[in-house]
Amino acid sequence: MKKYIIVVIIIAFGMALSFKNLNISSVTGETRTKKNITLADIENLENSIIIDGLDMTSSEKPSDDLSGEILFDNSFDDTGLQNVNDGLLKTNEKKPHVKTTTSHETIVKKTIHEKTGVKKGVKRDIKKKDSQVITIDSLRKKDKKWHLSEHVIKKGENLWNIAKQYDTNHRYIIMINNIDEPKKLLPGKVIQVPNRQGIEYNIKQGDTVYRIASRFNIEKEKILSHNNIKNGNIYYGNELFIPDAKKPVTKYENDNIAVKQNQNKETVNNRVMAFAWPVKGRITSSFGKRTDPFTKKKKFHCGIDISCNEGTPIKASYDGRVIYSDWKDGYGKVVIIKHDKGYITVYAHNRENIVNVGDKVNKGSVIAYSGMTGAVTGAHLHYEIRKYLAPLNPMKLLK
């Protein structure tokens, strides 16, 4: 009998230790091990999402902007992480870093034992920084409007266009949801998006929480919880913040918004980065809808094809860092460079890549030699400019 009691105690003790190391997430409803995601992990994750999400063609036009003139303002950039760092709580503890597993790492490993000694796909981790963590409570200390909105990921959505919908920073979404691999952002997954969207409302005579909630089509409990109202009583003259509420837009206001958006677009266009042509040649396939040469179906071509002889030097369009240099289905041998403000350039169908993952490159430096690898009908360079994953029209950005 004593023997069985000892076994039960040991099992119970083991289960207690396991439970201690788990975090029952009220945000996602999932049980997961607590992880301390570093900024280096986040950058590696972003790169993985970009690499996995690239496709030369799309069955539909890009959803953000049908003309390909997608240009985001500075609030959507990840320059310097100033707005993210303001909300981060730094910790001095040295904890194990999260290892991000990506679907392209299988390809990466294949190149490690190449006889040439050129490890084109070897991933060089960005220098690890002090571990930092962000919570909705730490954000609310900066601004009481911060709250979480539940979002079901739809087909065609990605980390950046979700962040844009809520006017928030994509790195907040990563840290709040403890995202450490791209598959946690697949369609159908439920995430919590930290944001400040809503309405500041002055309580009027005769108002009740129920009436306000009905007026703005918001759950009463959401108003009570966000404003820390415990007894349900509200008082004339006080102010509430109604999370996720939207103010009805009149025709006059709508006209003003349209004018403001056009003004913003002009301002952004004036400070857009100037990309250099990667090669000189004739454009054989432009950005936009075309008949796919293999399927014969109409598809959206997410870049441009530039005719050039095999072995033509391909040059970087702008200063940046190589995030991928290897084979990718459809693209063949491809180089992907990440630039400031989330801009990406893609150089595909190469005969040879001469840069490695992690290399810093300068505008005009040779990164590859053209070829006809991947899905091609002849020698050319397939070239793309993107803002994160959103395809842009290269003809509007090349100088």
Protein backbone atom coordinates (compact mmCIF):
# COMPACT_ATOMS: atom_id res chain seq x y z
CA MET A 1 0.00 0.00 0.00
CA LYS A 2 2.84 2.35 0.90
CA LYS A 3 4.40 1.64 -2.48
CA TYR A 4 1.26 2.84 -4.30
CA ILE A 5 1.02 5.96 -2.13
CA ILE A 6 4.64 6.87 -2.98
CA VAL A 7 3.96 6.41 -6.72
CA VAL A 8 0.85 8.63 -6.51
CA ILE A 9 2.81 11.33 -4.66
CA ILE A 10 5.61 11.27 -7.27
CA ILE A 11 3.09 11.55 -10.15
CA ALA A 12 1.24 14.40 -8.40
CA PHE A 13 4.52 16.23 -7.77
CA GLY A 14 5.49 15.88 -11.45
CA MET A 15 2.12 17.20 -12.61
CA ALA A 16 2.44 20.17 -10.26
CA LEU A 17 5.84 21.06 -11.70
CA SER A 18 4.49 20.80 -15.25
CA PHE A 19 1.49 22.98 -14.42
CA LYS A 20 3.79 25.59 -12.88
CA ASN A 21 5.61 25.92 -16.18
CA LEU A 22 2.43 26.38 -18.18
CA ASN A 23 0.55 29.58 -18.88
CA ILE A 24 -3.22 29.22 -19.22
CA SER A 25 -3.67 32.10 -21.63
CA SER A 26 -6.77 34.18 -21.11
CA VAL A 27 -5.93 35.91 -24.36
CA THR A 28 -6.06 32.97 -26.75
CA GLY A 29 -7.68 30.27 -24.68
CA GLU A 30 -4.72 27.97 -25.32
CA THR A 31 -2.43 26.28 -22.83
CA ARG A 32 1.18 26.99 -23.66
CA THR A 33 4.63 27.16 -22.14
CA LYS A 34 5.64 30.66 -21.11
CA LYS A 35 8.19 32.03 -23.52
CA ASN A 36 10.31 35.12 -23.39
CA ILE A 37 10.32 36.42 -26.97
CA THR A 38 13.24 38.72 -27.80
CA LEU A 39 13.37 41.39 -30.48
CA ALA A 40 15.79 39.15 -32.38
CA ASP A 41 13.17 36.36 -32.31
CA ILE A 42 10.58 38.81 -33.62
CA GLU A 43 12.79 39.90 -36.51
CA ASN A 44 13.50 36.28 -37.42
CA LEU A 45 9.77 35.52 -37.28
CA GLU A 46 8.96 38.50 -39.53
CA ASN A 47 11.53 37.31 -42.07
CA SER A 48 10.08 33.79 -41.97
CA ILE A 49 6.54 35.06 -42.58
CA ILE A 50 7.76 37.15 -45.53
CA ILE A 51 9.74 34.29 -47.09
CA ASP A 52 6.94 31.74 -46.66
CA GLY A 53 4.26 34.18 -47.83
CA LEU A 54 5.90 35.28 -51.10
CA ASP A 55 4.20 34.17 -54.31
CA MET A 56 5.01 35.44 -57.80
CA THR A 57 1.35 35.49 -58.84
CA SER A 58 -2.01 35.83 -57.15
CA SER A 59 -5.45 34.69 -58.30
CA GLU A 60 -6.74 38.06 -57.09
CA LYS A 61 -5.45 41.60 -57.16
CA PRO A 62 -3.64 42.73 -53.98
CA SER A 63 -6.39 43.56 -51.49
CA ASP A 64 -4.75 46.64 -49.98
CA ASP A 65 -4.47 48.72 -53.14
CA LEU A 66 -5.57 47.62 -56.60
CA SER A 67 -3.23 50.01 -58.37
CA GLY A 68 -0.16 48.80 -56.54
CA GLU A 69 0.51 52.23 -55.05
CA ILE A 70 0.51 51.04 -51.45
CA LEU A 71 2.53 53.47 -49.35
CA PHE A 72 2.19 53.46 -45.58
CA ASP A 73 2.89 56.32 -43.24
CA ASN A 74 5.55 56.25 -40.53
CA SER A 75 3.20 54.85 -37.90
CA PHE A 76 3.16 51.61 -39.88
CA ASP A 77 6.93 51.40 -40.26
CA ASP A 78 9.19 49.39 -38.01
CA THR A 79 11.96 51.99 -38.15
CA GLY A 80 13.94 51.87 -34.93
CA LEU A 81 11.08 50.29 -32.97
CA GLN A 82 10.61 53.57 -31.05
CA ASN A 83 6.88 53.13 -30.58
CA VAL A 84 7.31 49.49 -29.59
CA ASN A 85 10.18 50.07 -27.18
CA ASP A 86 8.16 52.72 -25.35
CA GLY A 87 5.70 50.01 -24.35
CA LEU A 88 8.17 47.27 -23.53
CA LEU A 89 9.10 46.28 -19.99
CA LYS A 90 12.80 45.41 -19.95
CA THR A 91 13.98 42.50 -17.87
CA ASN A 92 17.55 41.96 -16.73
CA GLU A 93 17.22 38.21 -16.26
CA LYS A 94 19.18 36.06 -18.72
CA LYS A 95 16.60 33.57 -19.92
CA PRO A 96 16.87 31.00 -22.69
CA HIS A 97 15.98 32.51 -26.07
CA VAL A 98 13.10 31.13 -28.10
CA LYS A 99 14.27 29.21 -31.16
CA THR A 100 11.99 30.03 -34.05
CA THR A 101 11.36 27.10 -36.39
CA THR A 102 10.42 28.05 -39.92
CA SER A 103 9.35 26.03 -42.90
CA HIS A 104 12.27 27.31 -44.96
CA GLU A 105 14.86 26.04 -42.46
CA THR A 106 14.68 22.59 -44.06
CA ILE A 107 16.03 24.13 -47.25
CA VAL A 108 18.58 26.09 -45.22
CA LYS A 109 20.03 22.95 -43.63
CA LYS A 110 20.62 21.33 -47.02
CA THR A 111 23.25 23.91 -47.89
CA ILE A 112 25.38 23.56 -44.75
CA HIS A 113 27.46 20.68 -46.12
CA GLU A 114 28.03 22.09 -49.60
CA LYS A 115 31.52 21.28 -50.83
CA THR A 116 32.03 24.80 -52.12
CA GLY A 117 32.04 26.18 -48.60
CA VAL A 118 29.55 28.89 -49.59
CA LYS A 119 26.65 28.39 -47.23
CA LYS A 120 24.03 30.32 -49.15
CA GLY A 121 21.07 29.40 -47.03
CA VAL A 122 22.73 29.41 -43.63
CA LYS A 123 20.73 31.52 -41.27
CA ARG A 124 22.73 34.01 -39.23
CA ASP A 125 20.78 34.96 -36.15
CA ILE A 126 20.50 38.65 -35.49
CA LYS A 127 22.43 39.59 -32.38
CA LYS A 128 20.27 38.81 -29.38
CA LYS A 129 19.17 41.81 -27.36
CA ASP A 130 18.00 41.98 -23.78
CA SER A 131 14.76 40.07 -23.36
CA GLN A 132 11.72 42.31 -23.37
CA VAL A 133 8.03 41.65 -22.87
CA ILE A 134 4.85 43.58 -23.42
CA THR A 135 1.41 43.09 -21.88
CA ILE A 136 -1.90 44.87 -22.31
CA ASP A 137 -1.46 46.21 -18.77
CA SER A 138 1.89 47.78 -19.65
CA LEU A 139 0.30 49.42 -22.70
CA ARG A 140 -2.61 50.75 -20.65
CA LYS A 141 -0.17 52.46 -18.30
CA LYS A 142 0.82 54.57 -21.31
CA ASP A 143 -2.74 55.11 -22.60
CA LYS A 144 -6.00 53.89 -21.05
CA LYS A 145 -7.54 53.41 -24.50
CA TRP A 146 -5.51 50.24 -25.13
CA HIS A 147 -7.64 47.11 -25.20
CA LEU A 148 -7.78 43.71 -26.91
CA SER A 149 -10.06 42.98 -29.87
CA GLU A 150 -10.68 39.39 -30.93
CA HIS A 151 -9.85 38.78 -34.58
CA VAL A 152 -10.38 35.63 -36.66
CA ILE A 153 -7.70 35.50 -39.37
CA LYS A 154 -9.22 35.36 -42.85
CA LYS A 155 -7.74 33.98 -46.06
CA GLY A 156 -5.40 36.51 -47.63
CA GLU A 157 -4.70 38.31 -44.35
CA ASN A 158 -1.24 38.58 -42.87
CA LEU A 159 0.38 40.11 -39.81
CA TRP A 160 0.81 43.53 -41.40
CA ASN A 161 -2.55 44.09 -43.01
CA ILE A 162 -4.23 42.99 -39.76
CA ALA A 163 -2.15 45.56 -37.87
CA LYS A 164 -3.12 48.19 -40.43
CA GLN A 165 -6.84 47.41 -39.98
CA TYR A 166 -6.54 48.19 -36.27
CA ASP A 167 -4.02 51.04 -36.61
CA THR A 168 -1.59 49.24 -34.33
CA ASN A 169 1.96 47.87 -34.49
CA HIS A 170 2.41 44.33 -35.77
CA ARG A 171 5.02 43.59 -33.09
CA TYR A 172 2.44 44.25 -30.37
CA ILE A 173 0.32 41.49 -31.93
CA ILE A 174 3.30 39.10 -31.90
CA MET A 175 4.14 39.70 -28.25
CA ILE A 176 0.59 39.79 -26.86
CA ASN A 177 -0.25 36.46 -28.55
CA ASN A 178 3.16 34.89 -27.88
CA ILE A 179 3.54 34.11 -31.60
CA ASP A 180 6.81 32.29 -32.30
CA GLU A 181 6.13 30.58 -35.65
CA PRO A 182 4.22 31.49 -38.83
CA LYS A 183 1.67 28.66 -38.53
CA LYS A 184 0.08 30.49 -35.58
CA LEU A 185 -1.14 33.07 -38.10
CA LEU A 186 -2.95 30.70 -40.46
CA PRO A 187 -6.54 31.45 -41.62
CA GLY A 188 -9.10 30.45 -39.00
CA LYS A 189 -6.78 31.12 -36.05
CA VAL A 190 -8.13 33.49 -33.39
CA ILE A 191 -5.80 36.22 -32.11
CA GLN A 192 -6.17 39.19 -29.80
CA VAL A 193 -5.21 42.49 -31.39
CA PRO A 194 -4.07 45.26 -29.01
CA ASN A 195 -5.37 48.62 -30.25
CA ARG A 196 -6.84 51.98 -29.25
CA GLN A 197 -9.79 52.10 -31.60
CA GLY A 198 -12.99 53.36 -30.00
CA ILE A 199 -14.86 56.49 -28.92
CA GLU A 200 -14.48 58.85 -25.96
CA TYR A 201 -18.04 59.48 -24.78
CA ASN A 202 -19.38 62.10 -22.36
CA ILE A 203 -22.21 60.67 -20.28
CA LYS A 204 -25.50 62.49 -20.80
CA GLN A 205 -28.56 62.72 -18.57
CA GLY A 206 -30.63 59.56 -18.72
CA ASP A 207 -27.75 57.46 -20.01
CA THR A 208 -27.24 53.92 -18.75
CA VAL A 209 -24.53 51.48 -19.70
CA TYR A 210 -27.15 49.34 -21.43
CA ARG A 211 -28.43 52.26 -23.55
CA ILE A 212 -24.91 53.34 -24.52
CA ALA A 213 -23.98 49.77 -25.42
CA SER A 214 -27.11 49.43 -27.58
CA ARG A 215 -26.47 52.76 -29.30
CA PHE A 216 -22.96 51.76 -30.38
CA ASN A 217 -23.71 48.05 -30.82
CA ILE A 218 -21.08 47.09 -28.24
CA GLU A 219 -21.35 44.48 -25.50
CA LYS A 220 -22.23 46.06 -22.16
CA GLU A 221 -19.63 43.94 -20.37
CA LYS A 222 -16.88 45.37 -22.60
CA ILE A 223 -17.72 48.92 -21.53
CA LEU A 224 -17.96 47.95 -17.85
CA SER A 225 -14.69 46.04 -17.89
CA HIS A 226 -12.64 48.60 -19.81
CA ASN A 227 -13.78 51.49 -17.62
CA ASN A 228 -13.50 49.45 -14.40
CA ILE A 229 -17.17 50.02 -13.49
CA LYS A 230 -17.97 47.51 -10.78
CA ASN A 231 -21.51 48.38 -9.70
CA GLY A 232 -22.92 49.36 -13.11
CA ASN A 233 -23.51 52.96 -12.07
CA ILE A 234 -22.40 55.82 -14.32
CA TYR A 235 -22.70 59.55 -13.64
CA TYR A 236 -23.71 62.50 -15.78
CA GLY A 237 -20.75 64.57 -16.98
CA ASN A 238 -18.15 61.80 -16.62
CA GLU A 239 -16.33 60.35 -19.59
CA LEU A 240 -16.25 56.75 -20.81
CA PHE A 241 -14.10 55.11 -23.41
CA ILE A 242 -16.09 52.71 -25.58
CA PRO A 243 -13.66 50.19 -27.09
CA ASP A 244 -14.21 49.13 -30.72
CA ALA A 245 -17.07 51.60 -31.15
CA LYS A 246 -17.26 53.54 -34.42
CA LYS A 247 -18.76 56.97 -34.87
CA PRO A 248 -21.21 57.20 -37.80
CA VAL A 249 -19.60 59.22 -40.62
CA THR A 250 -21.73 61.91 -42.28
CA LYS A 251 -21.32 62.77 -45.96
CA TYR A 252 -19.51 66.01 -45.06
CA GLU A 253 -17.09 64.19 -42.76
CA ASN A 254 -16.55 61.53 -45.43
CA ASP A 255 -15.53 64.21 -47.95
CA ASN A 256 -13.04 65.67 -45.46
CA ILE A 257 -11.56 62.21 -44.81
CA ALA A 258 -11.09 61.65 -48.55
CA VAL A 259 -9.29 65.00 -48.89
CA LYS A 260 -7.08 64.21 -45.89
CA GLN A 261 -6.20 60.78 -47.28
CA ASN A 262 -5.19 62.29 -50.62
CA GLN A 263 -3.03 64.88 -48.83
CA ASN A 264 -1.36 62.13 -46.81
CA LYS A 265 -0.73 60.12 -49.97
CA GLU A 266 1.03 63.08 -51.60
CA THR A 267 3.15 63.63 -48.49
CA VAL A 268 4.13 59.97 -48.35
CA ASN A 269 4.89 59.87 -52.09
CA ASN A 270 7.30 62.77 -51.67
CA ARG A 271 9.43 60.90 -49.14
CA VAL A 272 9.31 57.44 -50.71
CA MET A 273 12.57 55.56 -51.17
CA ALA A 274 14.14 55.63 -54.65
CA PHE A 275 15.07 52.12 -55.84
CA ALA A 276 17.69 51.58 -58.54
CA TRP A 277 17.13 49.26 -61.50
CA PRO A 278 18.65 45.83 -60.75
CA VAL A 279 19.49 45.20 -64.45
CA LYS A 280 18.99 47.00 -67.75
CA GLY A 281 16.60 45.35 -70.16
CA ARG A 282 13.19 45.25 -71.79
CA ILE A 283 10.10 44.69 -69.64
CA THR A 284 8.57 41.46 -70.94
CA SER A 285 5.84 41.16 -68.32
CA SER A 286 4.53 44.06 -66.26
CA PHE A 287 2.98 44.41 -62.81
CA GLY A 288 -0.71 43.55 -62.88
CA LYS A 289 -3.13 41.08 -64.38
CA ARG A 290 -1.80 38.80 -67.11
CA THR A 291 -2.31 35.34 -68.61
CA ASP A 292 -0.13 32.86 -66.75
CA PRO A 293 2.21 31.25 -69.32
CA PHE A 294 1.83 27.83 -67.71
CA THR A 295 -1.81 27.63 -66.55
CA LYS A 296 -3.20 29.99 -69.24
CA LYS A 297 -5.40 31.52 -66.54
CA LYS A 298 -5.64 35.21 -65.66
CA LYS A 299 -3.55 35.95 -62.58
CA PHE A 300 -2.08 39.00 -60.90
CA HIS A 301 1.66 39.26 -61.53
CA CYS A 302 3.24 40.63 -58.32
CA GLY A 303 6.37 42.01 -59.98
CA ILE A 304 7.96 42.75 -63.34
CA ASP A 305 10.01 40.54 -65.67
CA ILE A 306 13.13 42.15 -67.14
CA SER A 307 14.71 40.46 -70.16
CA CYS A 308 18.47 39.85 -69.85
CA ASN A 309 21.05 37.31 -71.00
CA GLU A 310 22.13 34.53 -68.68
CA GLY A 311 25.06 35.58 -66.50
CA THR A 312 24.09 39.28 -66.39
CA PRO A 313 25.14 40.82 -63.03
CA ILE A 314 22.12 41.62 -60.83
CA LYS A 315 22.54 44.60 -58.52
CA ALA A 316 20.84 45.46 -55.21
CA SER A 317 18.25 48.22 -55.66
CA TYR A 318 18.89 49.72 -52.23
CA ASP A 319 20.95 49.26 -49.07
CA GLY A 320 19.71 46.40 -46.90
CA ARG A 321 20.28 42.97 -45.41
CA VAL A 322 19.85 39.61 -47.15
CA ILE A 323 17.12 37.56 -45.45
CA TYR A 324 17.06 34.70 -47.99
CA SER A 325 19.44 33.34 -50.62
CA ASP A 326 18.44 29.91 -51.87
CA TRP A 327 15.91 28.00 -53.96
CA LYS A 328 12.17 28.76 -53.68
CA ASP A 329 9.41 27.04 -55.64
CA GLY A 330 8.48 29.03 -58.72
CA TYR A 331 11.19 31.61 -58.10
CA GLY A 332 14.12 29.24 -58.64
CA LYS A 333 17.32 30.63 -57.14
CA VAL A 334 16.21 33.83 -55.44
CA VAL A 335 17.68 36.59 -53.29
CA ILE A 336 15.41 38.51 -50.90
CA ILE A 337 16.66 41.74 -49.33
CA LYS A 338 15.01 43.62 -46.46
CA HIS A 339 15.42 47.40 -46.45
CA ASP A 340 14.46 50.24 -44.09
CA LYS A 341 10.80 50.81 -43.22
CA GLY A 342 9.79 47.24 -44.07
CA TYR A 343 10.51 47.43 -47.81
CA ILE A 344 11.48 44.16 -49.50
CA THR A 345 13.09 43.53 -52.90
CA VAL A 346 13.05 40.14 -54.61
CA TYR A 347 15.42 38.95 -57.39
CA ALA A 348 14.42 35.59 -58.92
CA HIS A 349 15.34 32.95 -61.56
CA ASN A 350 19.08 33.49 -60.94
CA ARG A 351 21.78 31.21 -62.26
CA GLU A 352 23.93 31.91 -59.19
CA ASN A 353 23.47 33.80 -55.92
CA ILE A 354 26.67 35.31 -54.52
CA VAL A 355 25.36 36.68 -51.22
CA ASN A 356 24.49 34.84 -48.01
CA VAL A 357 21.73 35.24 -45.44
CA GLY A 358 22.68 38.00 -43.00
CA ASP A 359 24.95 39.86 -45.45
CA LYS A 360 24.64 43.64 -45.57
CA VAL A 361 24.51 44.92 -49.14
CA ASN A 362 24.82 48.38 -50.61
CA LYS A 363 22.77 49.92 -53.38
CA GLY A 364 24.36 48.92 -56.69
CA SER A 365 26.41 45.99 -55.36
CA VAL A 366 26.26 42.72 -57.34
CA ILE A 367 24.22 40.07 -55.50
CA ALA A 368 23.61 37.41 -58.18
CA TYR A 369 23.89 36.48 -61.85
CA SER A 370 20.77 36.11 -63.99
CA GLY A 371 19.58 32.78 -65.27
CA MET A 372 16.45 30.78 -65.99
CA THR A 373 15.88 28.68 -62.86
CA GLY A 374 12.42 27.96 -61.50
CA ALA A 375 9.20 28.44 -63.48
CA VAL A 376 10.43 30.24 -66.61
CA THR A 377 10.02 30.12 -70.38
CA GLY A 378 13.27 31.99 -71.06
CA ALA A 379 16.11 33.90 -69.43
CA HIS A 380 14.97 36.95 -67.45
CA LEU A 381 14.94 38.52 -64.00
CA HIS A 382 11.68 38.44 -62.05
CA TYR A 383 11.82 41.49 -59.75
CA GLU A 384 9.50 42.58 -56.95
CA ILE A 385 9.23 45.48 -54.51
CA ARG A 386 7.02 44.92 -51.48
CA LYS A 387 6.06 46.62 -48.25
CA TYR A 388 6.38 43.61 -45.98
CA LEU A 389 4.16 41.22 -47.98
CA ALA A 390 2.11 43.80 -49.89
CA PRO A 391 3.22 43.94 -53.56
CA LEU A 392 4.01 47.42 -54.96
CA ASN A 393 4.28 48.51 -58.56
CA PRO A 394 8.05 48.68 -59.23
CA MET A 395 7.54 51.08 -62.16
CA LYS A 396 6.35 53.74 -59.72
CA LEU A 397 9.35 53.34 -57.39
CA LEU A 398 12.34 52.63 -59.67
CA LYS A 399 14.54 55.64 -60.51
